[in-house]
Amino acid sequence: MAAKPYQARIAAYCQAQGIDIPAGFYRHAASRYAAVNYSCTPPKLLAVTWFKLEDARYYLNKFSDGRVLRIFDFKDGCHLIFEHNIDGNLLSANDFNAV
């Protein structure tokens, strides 16, 4: 990955993929993990990001409400599919090109 701030990487990826970016995303510095809601059209970035995967898992387990979500790791360039169940499992998925 290029040495580019996470906020810029995430925004560039979302723009290239047609993912809506909420205004709240720009209010704070972004961390390496970002989530996208694929239950709506077009898909929408969640405004909150996380430094630790455990924090992302906790947040999504509490607030996902059955939505189809993917967590993108903008440090390692991979994404994880979140499966909402009792354990809040994260299933490994493919690498992606984070612009």
C-alpha atoms as a PDB file:
ATOM      1  CA  MET A   1       0.000   0.000   0.000  1.00  0.00           C
ATOM      2  CA  ALA A   2       1.156   3.507  -0.717  1.00  0.00           C
ATOM      3  CA  ALA A   3       1.934   5.817   2.185  1.00  0.00           C
ATOM      4  CA  LYS A   4      -1.317   7.749   1.923  1.00  0.00           C
ATOM      5  CA  PRO A   5      -3.638   8.658   4.814  1.00  0.00           C
ATOM      6  CA  TYR A   6      -6.445   6.164   5.374  1.00  0.00           C
ATOM      7  CA  GLN A   7      -9.116   8.804   4.821  1.00  0.00           C
ATOM      8  CA  ALA A   8      -7.787   9.571   1.337  1.00  0.00           C
ATOM      9  CA  ARG A   9      -7.418   5.859   0.485  1.00  0.00           C
ATOM     10  CA  ILE A  10     -10.935   5.040   1.665  1.00  0.00           C
ATOM     11  CA  ALA A  11     -12.498   8.007  -0.147  1.00  0.00           C
ATOM     12  CA  ALA A  12     -10.676   7.206  -3.409  1.00  0.00           C
ATOM     13  CA  TYR A  13     -11.736   3.555  -3.244  1.00  0.00           C
ATOM     14  CA  CYS A  14     -15.365   4.454  -2.547  1.00  0.00           C
ATOM     15  CA  GLN A  15     -15.490   6.988  -5.374  1.00  0.00           C
ATOM     16  CA  ALA A  16     -13.988   4.473  -7.803  1.00  0.00           C
ATOM     17  CA  GLN A  17     -16.506   1.792  -6.752  1.00  0.00           C
ATOM     18  CA  GLY A  18     -19.606   4.044  -6.691  1.00  0.00           C
ATOM     19  CA  ILE A  19     -19.993   3.795  -2.909  1.00  0.00           C
ATOM     20  CA  ASP A  20     -21.722   6.741  -1.193  1.00  0.00           C
ATOM     21  CA  ILE A  21     -19.620   8.524   1.418  1.00  0.00           C
ATOM     22  CA  PRO A  22     -21.556  10.146   4.284  1.00  0.00           C
ATOM     23  CA  ALA A  23     -20.570  13.677   5.328  1.00  0.00           C
ATOM     24  CA  GLY A  24     -19.780  12.389   8.830  1.00  0.00           C
ATOM     25  CA  PHE A  25     -16.878  10.352   7.454  1.00  0.00           C
ATOM     26  CA  TYR A  26     -14.796  13.518   7.034  1.00  0.00           C
ATOM     27  CA  ARG A  27     -15.311  14.761  10.615  1.00  0.00           C
ATOM     28  CA  HIS A  28     -12.568  12.609  12.163  1.00  0.00           C
ATOM     29  CA  ALA A  29      -9.332  10.980  11.071  1.00  0.00           C
ATOM     30  CA  ALA A  30      -9.955   7.540   9.572  1.00  0.00           C
ATOM     31  CA  SER A  31      -8.436   4.271  10.762  1.00  0.00           C
ATOM     32  CA  ARG A  32      -7.490   1.151   8.821  1.00  0.00           C
ATOM     33  CA  TYR A  33     -10.835  -0.716   9.003  1.00  0.00           C
ATOM     34  CA  ALA A  34     -13.887   0.689   7.215  1.00  0.00           C
ATOM     35  CA  ALA A  35     -17.277  -0.936   6.607  1.00  0.00           C
ATOM     36  CA  VAL A  36     -19.634  -0.656   3.652  1.00  0.00           C
ATOM     37  CA  ASN A  37     -23.352  -1.388   3.788  1.00  0.00           C
ATOM     38  CA  TYR A  38     -24.329  -3.378   0.687  1.00  0.00           C
ATOM     39  CA  SER A  39     -27.995  -3.638   1.718  1.00  0.00           C
ATOM     40  CA  CYS A  40     -28.800  -0.323   0.042  1.00  0.00           C
ATOM     41  CA  THR A  41     -28.422   0.981  -3.498  1.00  0.00           C
ATOM     42  CA  PRO A  42     -25.914   2.408  -4.046  1.00  0.00           C
ATOM     43  CA  PRO A  43     -23.790   0.862  -1.284  1.00  0.00           C
ATOM     44  CA  LYS A  44     -22.925   3.245   1.547  1.00  0.00           C
ATOM     45  CA  LEU A  45     -19.787   3.658   3.636  1.00  0.00           C
ATOM     46  CA  LEU A  46     -20.341   3.718   7.392  1.00  0.00           C
ATOM     47  CA  ALA A  47     -19.017   7.004   8.787  1.00  0.00           C
ATOM     48  CA  VAL A  48     -17.117   5.293  11.602  1.00  0.00           C
ATOM     49  CA  THR A  49     -13.788   3.473  11.112  1.00  0.00           C
ATOM     50  CA  TRP A  50     -11.742   1.351  13.500  1.00  0.00           C
ATOM     51  CA  PHE A  51      -8.100   0.818  14.407  1.00  0.00           C
ATOM     52  CA  LYS A  52      -8.664  -2.696  15.806  1.00  0.00           C
ATOM     53  CA  LEU A  53     -10.568  -5.517  14.138  1.00  0.00           C
ATOM     54  CA  GLU A  54     -12.076  -6.484  17.502  1.00  0.00           C
ATOM     55  CA  ASP A  55     -13.656  -3.014  17.781  1.00  0.00           C
ATOM     56  CA  ALA A  56     -15.134  -3.318  14.286  1.00  0.00           C
ATOM     57  CA  ARG A  57     -16.534  -6.749  15.122  1.00  0.00           C
ATOM     58  CA  TYR A  58     -18.103  -5.468  18.356  1.00  0.00           C
ATOM     59  CA  TYR A  59     -19.692  -2.449  16.635  1.00  0.00           C
ATOM     60  CA  LEU A  60     -21.102  -4.467  13.752  1.00  0.00           C
ATOM     61  CA  ASN A  61     -22.383  -7.220  16.027  1.00  0.00           C
ATOM     62  CA  LYS A  62     -24.304  -4.633  18.061  1.00  0.00           C
ATOM     63  CA  PHE A  63     -25.527  -2.359  15.262  1.00  0.00           C
ATOM     64  CA  SER A  64     -25.636  -4.300  11.982  1.00  0.00           C
ATOM     65  CA  ASP A  65     -29.393  -5.057  12.176  1.00  0.00           C
ATOM     66  CA  GLY A  66     -29.162  -7.793   9.551  1.00  0.00           C
ATOM     67  CA  ARG A  67     -27.535  -5.576   6.907  1.00  0.00           C
ATOM     68  CA  VAL A  68     -25.047  -7.020   4.435  1.00  0.00           C
ATOM     69  CA  LEU A  69     -21.726  -5.478   5.472  1.00  0.00           C
ATOM     70  CA  ARG A  70     -18.145  -5.824   4.339  1.00  0.00           C
ATOM     71  CA  ILE A  71     -15.172  -4.644   6.335  1.00  0.00           C
ATOM     72  CA  PHE A  72     -12.248  -3.350   4.307  1.00  0.00           C
ATOM     73  CA  ASP A  73      -8.731  -3.377   5.728  1.00  0.00           C
ATOM     74  CA  PHE A  74      -6.970  -0.446   4.079  1.00  0.00           C
ATOM     75  CA  LYS A  75      -3.609  -1.417   5.557  1.00  0.00           C
ATOM     76  CA  ASP A  76      -3.397  -4.993   4.257  1.00  0.00           C
ATOM     77  CA  GLY A  77      -5.682  -4.489   1.241  1.00  0.00           C
ATOM     78  CA  CYS A  78      -8.218  -7.209   1.990  1.00  0.00           C
ATOM     79  CA  HIS A  79     -11.879  -7.288   2.874  1.00  0.00           C
ATOM     80  CA  LEU A  80     -13.849  -9.421   5.275  1.00  0.00           C
ATOM     81  CA  ILE A  81     -17.494 -10.378   5.087  1.00  0.00           C
ATOM     82  CA  PHE A  82     -19.378  -9.895   8.332  1.00  0.00           C
ATOM     83  CA  GLU A  83     -21.860 -12.649   9.142  1.00  0.00           C
ATOM     84  CA  HIS A  84     -24.258 -11.522  11.853  1.00  0.00           C
ATOM     85  CA  ASN A  85     -24.806 -14.284  14.379  1.00  0.00           C
ATOM     86  CA  ILE A  86     -24.240 -14.839  18.083  1.00  0.00           C
ATOM     87  CA  ASP A  87     -20.455 -14.735  17.693  1.00  0.00           C
ATOM     88  CA  GLY A  88     -20.322 -11.976  15.073  1.00  0.00           C
ATOM     89  CA  ASN A  89     -18.105 -14.009  12.764  1.00  0.00           C
ATOM     90  CA  LEU A  90     -15.847 -12.383  10.233  1.00  0.00           C
ATOM     91  CA  LEU A  91     -15.253 -14.560   7.222  1.00  0.00           C
ATOM     92  CA  SER A  92     -12.097 -13.917   5.237  1.00  0.00           C
ATOM     93  CA  ALA A  93     -12.617 -12.842   1.651  1.00  0.00           C
ATOM     94  CA  ASN A  94     -10.512 -11.630  -1.258  1.00  0.00           C
ATOM     95  CA  ASP A  95      -7.836  -9.018  -1.525  1.00  0.00           C
ATOM     96  CA  PHE A  96      -8.825  -5.754  -3.164  1.00  0.00           C
ATOM     97  CA  ASN A  97      -6.963  -2.910  -4.820  1.00  0.00           C
ATOM     98  CA  ALA A  98      -7.234   0.126  -2.546  1.00  0.00           C
ATOM     99  CA  VAL A  99      -6.502   2.761  -5.208  1.00  0.00           C
END
